[in-house]
Full PDB file with SEQRES, HELIX, SHEET, SSBOND, CRYST1, ORIGX, SCALE, CONECT and MASTER records, all heavy atoms in Angstrom:
SEQRES   1 A   34  GLU PRO PRO ALA GLU PHE LEU ASP LEU VAL ALA ILE GLY          
SEQRES   2 A   34  THR ILE ALA ASP LEU VAL SER MET THR ASP GLU ASN ARG          
SEQRES   3 A   34  THR LEU VAL ALA LEU GLY LEU GLU                              
HELIX    1 AA1 ALA A    4  PHE A    6  5                                   3    
HELIX    2 AA2 LEU A    7  ALA A   16  1                                  10    
HELIX    3 AA3 ASP A   23  LEU A   33  1                                  11    
CRYST1    1.000    1.000    1.000  90.00  90.00  90.00 P 1           1          
ORIGX1      1.000000  0.000000  0.000000        0.00000                         
ORIGX2      0.000000  1.000000  0.000000        0.00000                         
ORIGX3      0.000000  0.000000  1.000000        0.00000                         
SCALE1      1.000000  0.000000  0.000000        0.00000                         
SCALE2      0.000000  1.000000  0.000000        0.00000                         
SCALE3      0.000000  0.000000  1.000000        0.00000                         
ATOM      1  N   GLU A   1      87.143 143.166 124.364  1.00  0.00           N  
ATOM      2  CA  GLU A   1      86.723 144.531 124.656  1.00  0.00           C  
ATOM      3  C   GLU A   1      86.626 145.286 123.331  1.00  0.00           C  
ATOM      4  O   GLU A   1      87.279 144.911 122.355  1.00  0.00           O  
ATOM      5  CB  GLU A   1      87.705 145.246 125.589  1.00  0.00           C  
ATOM      6  CG  GLU A   1      89.078 145.449 124.992  1.00  0.00           C  
ATOM      7  CD  GLU A   1      90.000 146.201 125.936  1.00  0.00           C  
ATOM      8  OE1 GLU A   1      89.531 146.640 127.006  1.00  0.00           O  
ATOM      9  OE2 GLU A   1      91.182 146.366 125.591  1.00  0.00           O  
ATOM     10  N   PRO A   2      85.812 146.344 123.274  1.00  0.00           N  
ATOM     11  CA  PRO A   2      85.716 147.112 122.027  1.00  0.00           C  
ATOM     12  C   PRO A   2      87.057 147.747 121.685  1.00  0.00           C  
ATOM     13  O   PRO A   2      87.585 148.535 122.485  1.00  0.00           O  
ATOM     14  CB  PRO A   2      84.663 148.182 122.338  1.00  0.00           C  
ATOM     15  CG  PRO A   2      83.877 147.632 123.490  1.00  0.00           C  
ATOM     16  CD  PRO A   2      84.853 146.832 124.292  1.00  0.00           C  
ATOM     17  N   PRO A   3      87.636 147.398 120.536  1.00  0.00           N  
ATOM     18  CA  PRO A   3      88.957 147.939 120.181  1.00  0.00           C  
ATOM     19  C   PRO A   3      88.851 149.378 119.660  1.00  0.00           C  
ATOM     20  O   PRO A   3      88.459 149.606 118.509  1.00  0.00           O  
ATOM     21  CB  PRO A   3      89.443 146.987 119.088  1.00  0.00           C  
ATOM     22  CG  PRO A   3      88.196 146.398 118.501  1.00  0.00           C  
ATOM     23  CD  PRO A   3      87.168 146.396 119.570  1.00  0.00           C  
ATOM     24  N   ALA A   4      89.213 150.341 120.482  1.00  0.00           N  
ATOM     25  CA  ALA A   4      89.073 151.753 120.124  1.00  0.00           C  
ATOM     26  C   ALA A   4      89.887 152.116 118.893  1.00  0.00           C  
ATOM     27  O   ALA A   4      89.526 153.040 118.156  1.00  0.00           O  
ATOM     28  CB  ALA A   4      89.491 152.628 121.310  1.00  0.00           C  
ATOM     29  N   GLU A   5      90.981 151.372 118.637  1.00  0.00           N  
ATOM     30  CA  GLU A   5      91.846 151.708 117.506  1.00  0.00           C  
ATOM     31  C   GLU A   5      91.198 151.445 116.152  1.00  0.00           C  
ATOM     32  O   GLU A   5      91.713 151.856 115.110  1.00  0.00           O  
ATOM     33  CB  GLU A   5      93.174 150.941 117.598  1.00  0.00           C  
ATOM     34  CG  GLU A   5      93.055 149.420 117.518  1.00  0.00           C  
ATOM     35  CD  GLU A   5      92.936 148.766 118.889  1.00  0.00           C  
ATOM     36  OE1 GLU A   5      92.296 149.363 119.768  1.00  0.00           O  
ATOM     37  OE2 GLU A   5      93.492 147.668 119.059  1.00  0.00           O  
ATOM     38  N   PHE A   6      90.042 150.754 116.156  1.00  0.00           N  
ATOM     39  CA  PHE A   6      89.348 150.475 114.898  1.00  0.00           C  
ATOM     40  C   PHE A   6      88.137 151.383 114.676  1.00  0.00           C  
ATOM     41  O   PHE A   6      87.482 151.305 113.635  1.00  0.00           O  
ATOM     42  CB  PHE A   6      88.887 149.015 114.847  1.00  0.00           C  
ATOM     43  CG  PHE A   6      90.000 148.012 114.945  1.00  0.00           C  
ATOM     44  CD1 PHE A   6      89.772 146.778 115.540  1.00  0.00           C  
ATOM     45  CD2 PHE A   6      91.273 148.288 114.461  1.00  0.00           C  
ATOM     46  CE1 PHE A   6      90.789 145.845 115.643  1.00  0.00           C  
ATOM     47  CE2 PHE A   6      92.294 147.370 114.559  1.00  0.00           C  
ATOM     48  CZ  PHE A   6      92.061 146.137 115.157  1.00  0.00           C  
ATOM     49  N   LEU A   7      87.828 152.226 115.644  1.00  0.00           N  
ATOM     50  CA  LEU A   7      86.619 153.044 115.535  1.00  0.00           C  
ATOM     51  C   LEU A   7      86.676 154.017 114.360  1.00  0.00           C  
ATOM     52  O   LEU A   7      85.639 154.364 113.782  1.00  0.00           O  
ATOM     53  CB  LEU A   7      86.387 153.806 116.837  1.00  0.00           C  
ATOM     54  CG  LEU A   7      85.861 152.959 118.007  1.00  0.00           C  
ATOM     55  CD1 LEU A   7      85.955 153.739 119.312  1.00  0.00           C  
ATOM     56  CD2 LEU A   7      84.424 152.513 117.748  1.00  0.00           C  
ATOM     57  N   ASP A   8      87.889 154.471 113.994  1.00  0.00           N  
ATOM     58  CA  ASP A   8      87.986 155.366 112.837  1.00  0.00           C  
ATOM     59  C   ASP A   8      87.511 154.662 111.572  1.00  0.00           C  
ATOM     60  O   ASP A   8      86.754 155.222 110.772  1.00  0.00           O  
ATOM     61  CB  ASP A   8      89.420 155.891 112.666  1.00  0.00           C  
ATOM     62  CG  ASP A   8      90.483 154.799 112.711  1.00  0.00           C  
ATOM     63  OD1 ASP A   8      90.131 153.596 112.798  1.00  0.00           O  
ATOM     64  OD2 ASP A   8      91.676 155.144 112.654  1.00  0.00           O  
ATOM     65  N   LEU A   9      87.913 153.401 111.389  1.00  0.00           N  
ATOM     66  CA  LEU A   9      87.494 152.636 110.212  1.00  0.00           C  
ATOM     67  C   LEU A   9      86.005 152.320 110.258  1.00  0.00           C  
ATOM     68  O   LEU A   9      85.317 152.335 109.230  1.00  0.00           O  
ATOM     69  CB  LEU A   9      88.295 151.340 110.112  1.00  0.00           C  
ATOM     70  CG  LEU A   9      89.816 151.485 110.003  1.00  0.00           C  
ATOM     71  CD1 LEU A   9      90.467 150.113 109.913  1.00  0.00           C  
ATOM     72  CD2 LEU A   9      90.187 152.336 108.796  1.00  0.00           C  
ATOM     73  N   VAL A  10      85.510 152.037 111.458  1.00  0.00           N  
ATOM     74  CA  VAL A  10      84.080 151.726 111.612  1.00  0.00           C  
ATOM     75  C   VAL A  10      83.235 152.930 111.199  1.00  0.00           C  
ATOM     76  O   VAL A  10      82.219 152.784 110.503  1.00  0.00           O  
ATOM     77  CB  VAL A  10      83.770 151.314 113.058  1.00  0.00           C  
ATOM     78  CG1 VAL A  10      82.269 151.108 113.241  1.00  0.00           C  
ATOM     79  CG2 VAL A  10      84.522 150.037 113.428  1.00  0.00           C  
ATOM     80  N   ALA A  11      83.645 154.110 111.602  1.00  0.00           N  
ATOM     81  CA  ALA A  11      82.892 155.312 111.240  1.00  0.00           C  
ATOM     82  C   ALA A  11      82.877 155.517 109.730  1.00  0.00           C  
ATOM     83  O   ALA A  11      81.830 155.805 109.135  1.00  0.00           O  
ATOM     84  CB  ALA A  11      83.490 156.536 111.934  1.00  0.00           C  
ATOM     85  N   ILE A  12      84.027 155.341 109.096  1.00  0.00           N  
ATOM     86  CA  ILE A  12      84.114 155.560 107.644  1.00  0.00           C  
ATOM     87  C   ILE A  12      83.234 154.564 106.890  1.00  0.00           C  
ATOM     88  O   ILE A  12      82.453 154.937 106.009  1.00  0.00           O  
ATOM     89  CB  ILE A  12      85.580 155.457 107.174  1.00  0.00           C  
ATOM     90  CG1 ILE A  12      86.391 156.624 107.735  1.00  0.00           C  
ATOM     91  CG2 ILE A  12      85.663 155.430 105.647  1.00  0.00           C  
ATOM     92  CD1 ILE A  12      87.881 156.502 107.530  1.00  0.00           C  
ATOM     93  N   GLY A  13      83.339 153.289 107.227  1.00  0.00           N  
ATOM     94  CA  GLY A  13      82.552 152.271 106.534  1.00  0.00           C  
ATOM     95  C   GLY A  13      81.062 152.433 106.770  1.00  0.00           C  
ATOM     96  O   GLY A  13      80.250 152.242 105.855  1.00  0.00           O  
ATOM     97  N   THR A  14      80.687 152.801 107.983  1.00  0.00           N  
ATOM     98  CA  THR A  14      79.269 152.966 108.321  1.00  0.00           C  
ATOM     99  C   THR A  14      78.673 154.159 107.585  1.00  0.00           C  
ATOM    100  O   THR A  14      77.570 154.079 107.030  1.00  0.00           O  
ATOM    101  CB  THR A  14      79.104 153.143 109.839  1.00  0.00           C  
ATOM    102  OG1 THR A  14      79.631 151.990 110.509  1.00  0.00           O  
ATOM    103  CG2 THR A  14      77.643 153.311 110.215  1.00  0.00           C  
ATOM    104  N   ILE A  15      79.397 155.265 107.559  1.00  0.00           N  
ATOM    105  CA  ILE A  15      78.923 156.449 106.832  1.00  0.00           C  
ATOM    106  C   ILE A  15      78.830 156.158 105.341  1.00  0.00           C  
ATOM    107  O   ILE A  15      77.846 156.495 104.682  1.00  0.00           O  
ATOM    108  CB  ILE A  15      79.854 157.651 107.093  1.00  0.00           C  
ATOM    109  CG1 ILE A  15      79.753 158.088 108.558  1.00  0.00           C  
ATOM    110  CG2 ILE A  15      79.523 158.812 106.159  1.00  0.00           C  
ATOM    111  CD1 ILE A  15      80.833 159.066 108.984  1.00  0.00           C  
ATOM    112  N   ALA A  16      79.854 155.512 104.814  1.00  0.00           N  
ATOM    113  CA  ALA A  16      79.906 155.248 103.371  1.00  0.00           C  
ATOM    114  C   ALA A  16      78.793 154.330 102.910  1.00  0.00           C  
ATOM    115  O   ALA A  16      78.299 154.466 101.784  1.00  0.00           O  
ATOM    116  CB  ALA A  16      81.257 154.644 103.002  1.00  0.00           C  
ATOM    117  N   ASP A  17      78.367 153.391 103.755  1.00  0.00           N  
ATOM    118  CA  ASP A  17      77.373 152.410 103.317  1.00  0.00           C  
ATOM    119  C   ASP A  17      75.936 152.878 103.495  1.00  0.00           C  
ATOM    120  O   ASP A  17      75.004 152.140 103.183  1.00  0.00           O  
ATOM    121  CB  ASP A  17      77.575 151.084 104.063  1.00  0.00           C  
ATOM    122  CG  ASP A  17      77.327 149.889 103.161  1.00  0.00           C  
ATOM    123  OD1 ASP A  17      77.858 149.869 102.036  1.00  0.00           O  
ATOM    124  OD2 ASP A  17      76.582 148.981 103.570  1.00  0.00           O  
ATOM    125  N   LEU A  18      75.761 154.099 103.992  1.00  0.00           N  
ATOM    126  CA  LEU A  18      74.429 154.719 104.087  1.00  0.00           C  
ATOM    127  C   LEU A  18      73.431 153.883 104.881  1.00  0.00           C  
ATOM    128  O   LEU A  18      72.236 153.875 104.587  1.00  0.00           O  
ATOM    129  CB  LEU A  18      73.870 154.986 102.679  1.00  0.00           C  
ATOM    130  CG  LEU A  18      74.736 155.861 101.769  1.00  0.00           C  
ATOM    131  CD1 LEU A  18      74.096 156.000 100.395  1.00  0.00           C  
ATOM    132  CD2 LEU A  18      74.978 157.228 102.377  1.00  0.00           C  
ATOM    133  N   VAL A  19      73.914 153.173 105.904  1.00  0.00           N  
ATOM    134  CA  VAL A  19      73.002 152.432 106.775  1.00  0.00           C  
ATOM    135  C   VAL A  19      72.348 153.406 107.758  1.00  0.00           C  
ATOM    136  O   VAL A  19      72.719 154.575 107.843  1.00  0.00           O  
ATOM    137  CB  VAL A  19      73.746 151.315 107.535  1.00  0.00           C  
ATOM    138  CG1 VAL A  19      74.174 150.210 106.587  1.00  0.00           C  
ATOM    139  CG2 VAL A  19      74.952 151.875 108.286  1.00  0.00           C  
ATOM    140  N   SER A  20      71.375 152.924 108.494  1.00  0.00           N  
ATOM    141  CA  SER A  20      70.608 153.774 109.404  1.00  0.00           C  
ATOM    142  C   SER A  20      71.513 154.430 110.449  1.00  0.00           C  
ATOM    143  O   SER A  20      72.228 153.738 111.192  1.00  0.00           O  
ATOM    144  CB  SER A  20      69.538 152.941 110.112  1.00  0.00           C  
ATOM    145  OG  SER A  20      68.810 153.735 111.018  1.00  0.00           O  
ATOM    146  N   MET A  21      71.465 155.787 110.504  1.00  0.00           N  
ATOM    147  CA  MET A  21      72.289 156.511 111.471  1.00  0.00           C  
ATOM    148  C   MET A  21      71.512 156.690 112.773  1.00  0.00           C  
ATOM    149  O   MET A  21      71.263 157.793 113.255  1.00  0.00           O  
ATOM    150  CB  MET A  21      72.718 157.858 110.890  1.00  0.00           C  
ATOM    151  CG  MET A  21      73.866 158.511 111.654  1.00  0.00           C  
ATOM    152  SD  MET A  21      75.358 157.494 111.692  1.00  0.00           S  
ATOM    153  CE  MET A  21      75.889 157.608 109.995  1.00  0.00           C  
ATOM    154  N   THR A  22      71.133 155.565 113.350  1.00  0.00           N  
ATOM    155  CA  THR A  22      70.400 155.552 114.609  1.00  0.00           C  
ATOM    156  C   THR A  22      71.026 154.516 115.532  1.00  0.00           C  
ATOM    157  O   THR A  22      71.906 153.750 115.125  1.00  0.00           O  
ATOM    158  CB  THR A  22      68.913 155.204 114.383  1.00  0.00           C  
ATOM    159  OG1 THR A  22      68.831 153.920 113.734  1.00  0.00           O  
ATOM    160  CG2 THR A  22      68.232 156.240 113.503  1.00  0.00           C  
ATOM    161  N   ASP A  23      70.594 154.519 116.799  1.00  0.00           N  
ATOM    162  CA  ASP A  23      70.949 153.479 117.757  1.00  0.00           C  
ATOM    163  C   ASP A  23      72.468 153.255 117.802  1.00  0.00           C  
ATOM    164  O   ASP A  23      73.230 154.194 117.942  1.00  0.00           O  
ATOM    165  CB  ASP A  23      70.202 152.186 117.410  1.00  0.00           C  
ATOM    166  CG  ASP A  23      69.995 151.271 118.618  1.00  0.00           C  
ATOM    167  OD1 ASP A  23      70.999 150.848 119.208  1.00  0.00           O  
ATOM    168  OD2 ASP A  23      68.836 150.989 118.959  1.00  0.00           O  
ATOM    169  N   GLU A  24      72.903 152.005 117.663  1.00  0.00           N  
ATOM    170  CA  GLU A  24      74.320 151.688 117.839  1.00  0.00           C  
ATOM    171  C   GLU A  24      75.191 152.288 116.734  1.00  0.00           C  
ATOM    172  O   GLU A  24      76.351 152.654 116.987  1.00  0.00           O  
ATOM    173  CB  GLU A  24      74.518 150.170 117.902  1.00  0.00           C  
ATOM    174  CG  GLU A  24      75.928 149.787 118.355  1.00  0.00           C  
ATOM    175  CD  GLU A  24      76.062 148.308 118.654  1.00  0.00           C  
ATOM    176  OE1 GLU A  24      75.425 147.497 117.948  1.00  0.00           O  
ATOM    177  OE2 GLU A  24      76.817 147.961 119.588  1.00  0.00           O  
ATOM    178  N   ASN A  25      74.670 152.387 115.524  1.00  0.00           N  
ATOM    179  CA  ASN A  25      75.453 153.019 114.459  1.00  0.00           C  
ATOM    180  C   ASN A  25      75.785 154.458 114.810  1.00  0.00           C  
ATOM    181  O   ASN A  25      76.889 154.945 114.540  1.00  0.00           O  
ATOM    182  CB  ASN A  25      74.681 152.990 113.133  1.00  0.00           C  
ATOM    183  CG  ASN A  25      74.751 151.646 112.449  1.00  0.00           C  
ATOM    184  OD1 ASN A  25      75.620 150.823 112.743  1.00  0.00           O  
ATOM    185  ND2 ASN A  25      73.823 151.404 111.533  1.00  0.00           N  
ATOM    186  N   ARG A  26      74.836 155.136 115.396  1.00  0.00           N  
ATOM    187  CA  ARG A  26      75.043 156.524 115.798  1.00  0.00           C  
ATOM    188  C   ARG A  26      76.158 156.624 116.838  1.00  0.00           C  
ATOM    189  O   ARG A  26      77.016 157.513 116.769  1.00  0.00           O  
ATOM    190  CB  ARG A  26      73.733 157.074 116.342  1.00  0.00           C  
ATOM    191  CG  ARG A  26      73.746 158.528 116.744  1.00  0.00           C  
ATOM    192  CD  ARG A  26      72.320 158.996 117.047  1.00  0.00           C  
ATOM    193  NE  ARG A  26      72.331 160.290 117.717  1.00  0.00           N  
ATOM    194  CZ  ARG A  26      72.505 161.446 117.112  1.00  0.00           C  
ATOM    195  NH1 ARG A  26      72.690 161.468 115.807  1.00  0.00           N  
ATOM    196  NH2 ARG A  26      72.490 162.583 117.792  1.00  0.00           N  
ATOM    197  N   THR A  27      76.154 155.690 117.769  1.00  0.00           N  
ATOM    198  CA  THR A  27      77.200 155.660 118.791  1.00  0.00           C  
ATOM    199  C   THR A  27      78.558 155.361 118.173  1.00  0.00           C  
ATOM    200  O   THR A  27      79.551 156.038 118.462  1.00  0.00           O  
ATOM    201  CB  THR A  27      76.862 154.598 119.861  1.00  0.00           C  
ATOM    202  OG1 THR A  27      75.617 154.937 120.473  1.00  0.00           O  
ATOM    203  CG2 THR A  27      77.952 154.522 120.917  1.00  0.00           C  
ATOM    204  N   LEU A  28      78.604 154.344 117.308  1.00  0.00           N  
ATOM    205  CA  LEU A  28      79.873 153.962 116.670  1.00  0.00           C  
ATOM    206  C   LEU A  28      80.439 155.104 115.832  1.00  0.00           C  
ATOM    207  O   LEU A  28      81.650 155.364 115.855  1.00  0.00           O  
ATOM    208  CB  LEU A  28      79.669 152.722 115.801  1.00  0.00           C  
ATOM    209  CG  LEU A  28      79.423 151.407 116.549  1.00  0.00           C  
ATOM    210  CD1 LEU A  28      78.986 150.313 115.587  1.00  0.00           C  
ATOM    211  CD2 LEU A  28      80.687 150.974 117.309  1.00  0.00           C  
ATOM    212  N   VAL A  29      79.572 155.799 115.101  1.00  0.00           N  
ATOM    213  CA  VAL A  29      80.050 156.889 114.249  1.00  0.00           C  
ATOM    214  C   VAL A  29      80.494 158.075 115.093  1.00  0.00           C  
ATOM    215  O   VAL A  29      81.528 158.697 114.809  1.00  0.00           O  
ATOM    216  CB  VAL A  29      78.964 157.298 113.235  1.00  0.00           C  
ATOM    217  CG1 VAL A  29      79.348 158.593 112.526  1.00  0.00           C  
ATOM    218  CG2 VAL A  29      78.744 156.186 112.212  1.00  0.00           C  
ATOM    219  N   ALA A  30      79.757 158.404 116.143  1.00  0.00           N  
ATOM    220  CA  ALA A  30      80.152 159.514 117.016  1.00  0.00           C  
ATOM    221  C   ALA A  30      81.518 159.248 117.644  1.00  0.00           C  
ATOM    222  O   ALA A  30      82.390 160.130 117.671  1.00  0.00           O  
ATOM    223  CB  ALA A  30      79.093 159.731 118.089  1.00  0.00           C  
ATOM    224  N   LEU A  31      81.706 158.038 118.142  1.00  0.00           N  
ATOM    225  CA  LEU A  31      83.004 157.666 118.720  1.00  0.00           C  
ATOM    226  C   LEU A  31      84.083 157.617 117.640  1.00  0.00           C  
ATOM    227  O   LEU A  31      85.225 158.028 117.860  1.00  0.00           O  
ATOM    228  CB  LEU A  31      82.895 156.309 119.411  1.00  0.00           C  
ATOM    229  CG  LEU A  31      82.006 156.255 120.665  1.00  0.00           C  
ATOM    230  CD1 LEU A  31      81.786 154.807 121.098  1.00  0.00           C  
ATOM    231  CD2 LEU A  31      82.617 157.064 121.799  1.00  0.00           C  
ATOM    232  N   GLY A  32      83.711 157.112 116.459  1.00  0.00           N  
ATOM    233  CA  GLY A  32      84.668 156.987 115.369  1.00  0.00           C  
ATOM    234  C   GLY A  32      85.139 158.319 114.829  1.00  0.00           C  
ATOM    235  O   GLY A  32      86.317 158.489 114.497  1.00  0.00           O  
ATOM    236  N   LEU A  33      84.225 159.296 114.738  1.00  0.00           N  
ATOM    237  CA  LEU A  33      84.630 160.618 114.271  1.00  0.00           C  
ATOM    238  C   LEU A  33      85.616 161.258 115.237  1.00  0.00           C  
ATOM    239  O   LEU A  33      86.571 161.925 114.823  1.00  0.00           O  
ATOM    240  CB  LEU A  33      83.394 161.508 114.103  1.00  0.00           C  
ATOM    241  CG  LEU A  33      82.476 161.161 112.921  1.00  0.00           C  
ATOM    242  CD1 LEU A  33      81.199 161.983 112.983  1.00  0.00           C  
ATOM    243  CD2 LEU A  33      83.195 161.380 111.593  1.00  0.00           C  
ATOM    244  N   GLU A  34      85.387 161.047 116.526  1.00  0.00           N  
ATOM    245  CA  GLU A  34      86.336 161.545 117.520  1.00  0.00           C  
ATOM    246  C   GLU A  34      87.690 160.868 117.343  1.00  0.00           C  
ATOM    247  O   GLU A  34      88.744 161.513 117.448  1.00  0.00           O  
ATOM    248  CB  GLU A  34      85.793 161.290 118.929  1.00  0.00           C  
ATOM    249  CG  GLU A  34      86.600 161.932 120.043  1.00  0.00           C  
ATOM    250  CD  GLU A  34      86.580 163.447 119.989  1.00  0.00           C  
ATOM    251  OE1 GLU A  34      85.555 164.017 119.564  1.00  0.00           O  
ATOM    252  OE2 GLU A  34      87.604 164.058 120.353  1.00  0.00           O  
TER     253      GLU A  34                                                      
MASTER        0    0    0    3    0    0    0    6  252    1    0    3          
END                                                                             
């Protein structure tokens, strides 16, 4: 199952790496910021 306890790290790494903020990345970052 998606481990919610890692979403904070996923958001930080995704934002930092300047990948496309669309589709699933957008979802991961929105959940991660929360």
